[in-house]
Amino acid sequence: MQSFEFCYLNADGSLACTLAACCEDERQAKILAHAMKLSDTKCFEVWMGEKLVYERPARWDDARDWRMAV
């Protein structure tokens, strides 16, 4: 099992919270990150050590559009 860190971000880009979990692979980590997401959090990242393996939205331009709509 590999160790992953989930970083959930506020609308302004600041860190809301982090969670750590051991998962079989990146796919399982992505699914768990979505499942553990706070209801009002739209942006998050999944890290495996120093490697960013997933982020939502996929591009920060999309996140900026979301923050402007809030």
N, C-alpha and C. Protein backbone atom coordinates (compact mmCIF):
# COMPACT_ATOMS: atom_id res chain seq x y z
N MET A 1 0.85 -1.18 0.00
CA MET A 1 0.00 0.00 0.00
C MET A 1 0.89 1.24 0.00
N GLN A 2 0.41 2.25 -0.66
CA GLN A 2 1.14 3.50 -0.77
C GLN A 2 0.44 4.58 0.06
N SER A 3 1.21 5.54 0.52
CA SER A 3 0.67 6.63 1.33
C SER A 3 0.35 7.82 0.43
N PHE A 4 -0.85 8.37 0.61
CA PHE A 4 -1.31 9.53 -0.16
C PHE A 4 -1.76 10.62 0.80
N GLU A 5 -1.65 11.86 0.35
CA GLU A 5 -2.14 13.00 1.12
C GLU A 5 -3.15 13.75 0.26
N PHE A 6 -4.30 14.07 0.84
CA PHE A 6 -5.35 14.81 0.17
C PHE A 6 -5.35 16.23 0.73
N CYS A 7 -5.21 17.22 -0.13
CA CYS A 7 -5.20 18.62 0.29
C CYS A 7 -6.45 19.29 -0.28
N TYR A 8 -7.33 19.72 0.60
CA TYR A 8 -8.57 20.39 0.21
C TYR A 8 -8.39 21.89 0.36
N LEU A 9 -8.81 22.64 -0.66
CA LEU A 9 -8.53 24.07 -0.72
C LEU A 9 -9.80 24.90 -0.63
N ASN A 10 -9.69 26.04 0.04
CA ASN A 10 -10.77 27.02 0.11
C ASN A 10 -10.89 27.73 -1.23
N ALA A 11 -11.95 28.50 -1.40
CA ALA A 11 -12.18 29.23 -2.65
C ALA A 11 -11.05 30.20 -2.97
N ASP A 12 -10.38 30.72 -1.95
CA ASP A 12 -9.29 31.68 -2.18
C ASP A 12 -7.95 30.97 -2.43
N GLY A 13 -7.95 29.63 -2.46
CA GLY A 13 -6.73 28.87 -2.71
C GLY A 13 -5.98 28.46 -1.45
N SER A 14 -6.42 28.95 -0.30
CA SER A 14 -5.76 28.58 0.95
C SER A 14 -6.15 27.15 1.35
N LEU A 15 -5.33 26.55 2.16
CA LEU A 15 -5.54 25.17 2.59
C LEU A 15 -6.67 25.09 3.61
N ALA A 16 -7.69 24.28 3.31
CA ALA A 16 -8.81 24.09 4.24
C ALA A 16 -8.49 22.95 5.21
N CYS A 17 -8.00 21.83 4.68
CA CYS A 17 -7.61 20.70 5.52
C CYS A 17 -6.84 19.69 4.70
N THR A 18 -6.18 18.80 5.40
CA THR A 18 -5.47 17.70 4.73
C THR A 18 -5.86 16.39 5.41
N LEU A 19 -5.82 15.34 4.63
CA LEU A 19 -6.06 13.99 5.13
C LEU A 19 -5.00 13.09 4.54
N ALA A 20 -4.63 12.07 5.26
CA ALA A 20 -3.68 11.09 4.75
C ALA A 20 -4.32 9.72 4.79
N ALA A 21 -3.97 8.90 3.80
CA ALA A 21 -4.52 7.55 3.74
C ALA A 21 -3.58 6.64 2.96
N CYS A 22 -3.66 5.38 3.27
CA CYS A 22 -2.93 4.37 2.50
C CYS A 22 -3.90 3.74 1.52
N CYS A 23 -3.51 3.69 0.26
CA CYS A 23 -4.36 3.15 -0.79
C CYS A 23 -3.55 2.19 -1.65
N GLU A 24 -4.25 1.29 -2.33
CA GLU A 24 -3.60 0.31 -3.20
C GLU A 24 -2.88 0.99 -4.37
N ASP A 25 -3.52 2.03 -4.95
CA ASP A 25 -2.96 2.69 -6.12
C ASP A 25 -3.55 4.10 -6.26
N GLU A 26 -3.13 4.82 -7.31
CA GLU A 26 -3.59 6.19 -7.53
C GLU A 26 -5.10 6.23 -7.77
N ARG A 27 -5.63 5.26 -8.48
CA ARG A 27 -7.06 5.23 -8.77
C ARG A 27 -7.87 5.18 -7.48
N GLN A 28 -7.49 4.30 -6.57
CA GLN A 28 -8.19 4.19 -5.30
C GLN A 28 -8.05 5.49 -4.50
N ALA A 29 -6.90 6.12 -4.56
CA ALA A 29 -6.68 7.39 -3.86
C ALA A 29 -7.58 8.49 -4.43
N LYS A 30 -7.74 8.54 -5.73
CA LYS A 30 -8.61 9.54 -6.36
C LYS A 30 -10.06 9.35 -5.91
N ILE A 31 -10.50 8.10 -5.90
CA ILE A 31 -11.88 7.81 -5.49
C ILE A 31 -12.09 8.20 -4.03
N LEU A 32 -11.14 7.85 -3.18
CA LEU A 32 -11.26 8.19 -1.76
C LEU A 32 -11.23 9.70 -1.55
N ALA A 33 -10.41 10.41 -2.30
CA ALA A 33 -10.35 11.88 -2.18
C ALA A 33 -11.69 12.51 -2.51
N HIS A 34 -12.37 12.01 -3.53
CA HIS A 34 -13.71 12.51 -3.86
C HIS A 34 -14.70 12.17 -2.75
N ALA A 35 -14.62 10.97 -2.23
CA ALA A 35 -15.55 10.53 -1.20
C ALA A 35 -15.39 11.31 0.11
N MET A 36 -14.17 11.73 0.43
CA MET A 36 -13.89 12.42 1.68
C MET A 36 -14.00 13.94 1.56
N LYS A 37 -14.30 14.43 0.37
CA LYS A 37 -14.36 15.87 0.10
C LYS A 37 -15.41 16.55 0.97
N LEU A 38 -15.05 17.68 1.51
CA LEU A 38 -16.01 18.50 2.24
C LEU A 38 -17.05 19.02 1.26
N SER A 39 -18.29 19.16 1.69
CA SER A 39 -19.37 19.52 0.77
C SER A 39 -19.16 20.87 0.08
N ASP A 40 -18.53 21.82 0.75
CA ASP A 40 -18.34 23.14 0.14
C ASP A 40 -16.97 23.31 -0.51
N THR A 41 -16.16 22.27 -0.55
CA THR A 41 -14.84 22.34 -1.15
C THR A 41 -14.92 21.92 -2.61
N LYS A 42 -14.47 22.79 -3.50
CA LYS A 42 -14.51 22.49 -4.93
C LYS A 42 -13.14 22.09 -5.47
N CYS A 43 -12.08 22.48 -4.78
CA CYS A 43 -10.73 22.23 -5.28
C CYS A 43 -9.97 21.33 -4.31
N PHE A 44 -9.26 20.36 -4.86
CA PHE A 44 -8.40 19.53 -4.02
C PHE A 44 -7.31 18.88 -4.85
N GLU A 45 -6.28 18.42 -4.16
CA GLU A 45 -5.13 17.78 -4.78
C GLU A 45 -4.85 16.46 -4.07
N VAL A 46 -4.33 15.50 -4.82
CA VAL A 46 -3.91 14.22 -4.25
C VAL A 46 -2.40 14.10 -4.50
N TRP A 47 -1.66 13.90 -3.43
CA TRP A 47 -0.20 13.82 -3.50
C TRP A 47 0.26 12.44 -3.04
N MET A 48 1.28 11.93 -3.73
CA MET A 48 1.98 10.73 -3.30
C MET A 48 3.42 11.16 -3.09
N GLY A 49 3.75 11.42 -1.82
CA GLY A 49 5.07 12.00 -1.53
C GLY A 49 5.13 13.41 -2.10
N GLU A 50 6.12 13.68 -2.92
CA GLU A 50 6.26 15.00 -3.54
C GLU A 50 5.66 15.06 -4.94
N LYS A 51 4.97 14.00 -5.36
CA LYS A 51 4.39 13.92 -6.70
C LYS A 51 2.89 14.20 -6.65
N LEU A 52 2.46 15.22 -7.38
CA LEU A 52 1.03 15.51 -7.54
C LEU A 52 0.46 14.49 -8.51
N VAL A 53 -0.50 13.70 -8.06
CA VAL A 53 -1.05 12.65 -8.92
C VAL A 53 -2.45 12.97 -9.43
N TYR A 54 -3.12 13.98 -8.83
CA TYR A 54 -4.48 14.30 -9.25
C TYR A 54 -4.87 15.64 -8.66
N GLU A 55 -5.65 16.40 -9.41
CA GLU A 55 -6.21 17.65 -8.89
C GLU A 55 -7.56 17.91 -9.51
N ARG A 56 -8.40 18.57 -8.75
CA ARG A 56 -9.73 18.91 -9.19
C ARG A 56 -10.02 20.32 -8.80
N PRO A 57 -10.43 21.23 -9.64
CA PRO A 57 -10.56 21.00 -11.08
C PRO A 57 -9.19 20.72 -11.70
N ALA A 58 -9.23 20.18 -12.89
CA ALA A 58 -8.00 19.75 -13.56
C ALA A 58 -7.07 20.93 -13.87
N ARG A 59 -7.63 22.10 -14.03
CA ARG A 59 -6.82 23.29 -14.30
C ARG A 59 -7.22 24.40 -13.34
N TRP A 60 -6.23 25.15 -12.86
CA TRP A 60 -6.54 26.25 -11.93
C TRP A 60 -7.35 27.35 -12.58
N ASP A 61 -7.35 27.45 -13.92
CA ASP A 61 -8.21 28.42 -14.59
C ASP A 61 -9.67 28.12 -14.27
N ASP A 62 -10.02 26.82 -14.25
CA ASP A 62 -11.39 26.42 -13.91
C ASP A 62 -11.70 26.80 -12.47
N ALA A 63 -10.74 26.63 -11.58
CA ALA A 63 -10.95 26.98 -10.17
C ALA A 63 -11.13 28.48 -10.02
N ARG A 64 -10.36 29.25 -10.76
CA ARG A 64 -10.48 30.71 -10.69
C ARG A 64 -11.88 31.12 -11.14
N ASP A 65 -12.40 30.50 -12.20
CA ASP A 65 -13.75 30.80 -12.67
C ASP A 65 -14.76 30.49 -11.58
N TRP A 66 -14.56 29.34 -10.87
CA TRP A 66 -15.46 28.97 -9.78
C TRP A 66 -15.40 29.99 -8.65
N ARG A 67 -14.18 30.42 -8.28
CA ARG A 67 -14.04 31.38 -7.16
C ARG A 67 -14.69 32.71 -7.51
N MET A 68 -14.63 33.13 -8.77
CA MET A 68 -15.24 34.41 -9.15
C MET A 68 -16.76 34.33 -9.10
N ALA A 69 -17.31 33.13 -9.29
CA ALA A 69 -18.76 32.96 -9.27
C ALA A 69 -19.32 32.94 -7.86
N VAL A 70 -18.46 32.74 -6.86
CA VAL A 70 -18.92 32.64 -5.47
C VAL A 70 -19.18 34.01 -4.90
